[in-house]
Amino acid sequence: MSIVDFILLLIIAGLCGAIGQAITGFSRGGCLVSIAVGFIGALIGGWIAREMSLPEFFVVEAGTFTFPVVWSIIGSALFVAVVSLLTRRR
C-alpha cells in the first residue's frame, strides 16, 4: 500500500465517519474522531453484512485494501448511536 492509497483511505473513512455522525446528530471531536469512527464503522458494518449475507454495494479499492463505503456509514451511525446513548449530556 502506497502513501497515496493510505491517504485516500483516511479521507474516505473521515467522510464516512462524518456522515455517520451527521445521521445520528451526535458529534464529539474533529477530523481524527471522524476517521476513527469511519474505520470502526467499516468493521461493524462489514461484520453485519457478512453475518446477514448481504452484498457490498459501493466499495473503494486502494491498493490491495477494499473499503466498504455504504457499510461504513451504516456501521458508524450505529456505533455513534450506541456511544451517544452511553454518555451523558453536559
Protein backbone atom coordinates (compact mmCIF):
# COMPACT_ATOMS: atom_id res chain seq x y z
CA MET A 1 0.00 0.00 0.00
CA SER A 2 1.44 3.32 -1.01
CA ILE A 3 1.16 6.59 0.88
CA VAL A 4 -1.40 7.87 -1.64
CA ASP A 5 -3.60 4.81 -1.03
CA PHE A 6 -3.33 5.31 2.72
CA ILE A 7 -4.26 8.99 2.49
CA LEU A 8 -7.20 8.09 0.24
CA LEU A 9 -8.43 5.58 2.82
CA LEU A 10 -8.11 8.18 5.60
CA ILE A 11 -10.13 10.70 3.62
CA ILE A 12 -12.86 8.20 2.76
CA ALA A 13 -13.03 6.93 6.35
CA GLY A 14 -13.27 10.52 7.59
CA LEU A 15 -16.14 11.28 5.24
CA CYS A 16 -17.98 8.09 6.18
CA GLY A 17 -17.50 8.80 9.87
CA ALA A 18 -18.70 12.39 9.45
CA ILE A 19 -21.80 11.21 7.59
CA GLY A 20 -22.49 8.64 10.30
CA GLN A 21 -22.17 11.32 12.97
CA ALA A 22 -24.46 13.64 10.98
CA ILE A 23 -27.11 10.92 10.69
CA THR A 24 -27.24 10.41 14.44
CA GLY A 25 -26.81 14.06 15.32
CA PHE A 26 -24.06 13.37 17.85
CA SER A 27 -20.53 14.57 17.31
CA ARG A 28 -17.65 14.67 19.71
CA GLY A 29 -14.37 15.67 18.16
CA GLY A 30 -12.95 16.70 14.85
CA CYS A 31 -11.35 15.06 11.85
CA LEU A 32 -9.39 12.41 13.75
CA VAL A 33 -12.52 11.26 15.57
CA SER A 34 -14.40 11.09 12.26
CA ILE A 35 -11.62 8.96 10.75
CA ALA A 36 -11.66 6.61 13.75
CA VAL A 37 -15.46 6.38 13.65
CA GLY A 38 -15.30 5.64 9.91
CA PHE A 39 -12.86 2.75 10.40
CA ILE A 40 -14.82 1.36 13.37
CA GLY A 41 -18.00 1.72 11.31
CA ALA A 42 -16.39 -0.22 8.47
CA LEU A 43 -15.57 -3.05 10.88
CA ILE A 44 -19.07 -3.09 12.41
CA GLY A 45 -20.87 -2.67 9.10
CA GLY A 46 -18.73 -5.28 7.37
CA TRP A 47 -19.36 -7.73 10.18
CA ILE A 48 -23.13 -7.15 10.00
CA ALA A 49 -23.08 -7.58 6.22
CA ARG A 50 -21.14 -10.85 6.47
CA GLU A 51 -23.39 -12.25 9.20
CA MET A 52 -26.55 -11.45 7.24
CA SER A 53 -25.01 -12.49 3.87
CA LEU A 54 -25.64 -9.05 2.37
CA PRO A 55 -23.71 -7.75 -0.66
CA GLU A 56 -21.29 -4.86 -0.60
CA PHE A 57 -22.88 -2.03 -2.56
CA PHE A 58 -20.13 0.53 -3.00
CA VAL A 59 -16.52 -0.48 -2.39
CA VAL A 60 -13.45 1.70 -2.84
CA GLU A 61 -10.25 -0.17 -3.62
CA ALA A 62 -6.94 1.37 -2.58
CA GLY A 63 -4.08 -0.93 -3.47
CA THR A 64 -4.95 -4.33 -2.05
CA PHE A 65 -7.35 -2.96 0.57
CA THR A 66 -11.09 -2.61 -0.06
CA PHE A 67 -13.20 -0.17 1.93
CA PRO A 68 -17.00 -0.75 2.07
CA VAL A 69 -18.41 2.79 1.97
CA VAL A 70 -22.11 2.04 2.48
CA TRP A 71 -21.50 -0.41 5.31
CA SER A 72 -19.03 2.00 6.89
CA ILE A 73 -21.68 4.72 7.01
CA ILE A 74 -24.27 2.34 8.45
CA GLY A 75 -21.81 0.90 10.97
CA SER A 76 -20.56 4.32 12.05
CA ALA A 77 -24.12 5.55 12.53
CA LEU A 78 -24.84 2.52 14.73
CA PHE A 79 -21.60 2.98 16.66
CA VAL A 80 -22.19 6.69 17.26
CA ALA A 81 -25.79 6.00 18.31
CA VAL A 82 -24.61 3.50 20.94
CA VAL A 83 -21.90 5.89 22.17
CA SER A 84 -24.43 8.72 22.44
CA LEU A 85 -26.76 6.50 24.47
CA LEU A 86 -23.98 5.51 26.87
CA THR A 87 -22.62 9.01 27.50
CA ARG A 88 -24.33 11.74 29.45
CA ARG A 89 -25.07 15.18 28.16
CA ARG A 90 -23.35 18.09 29.80
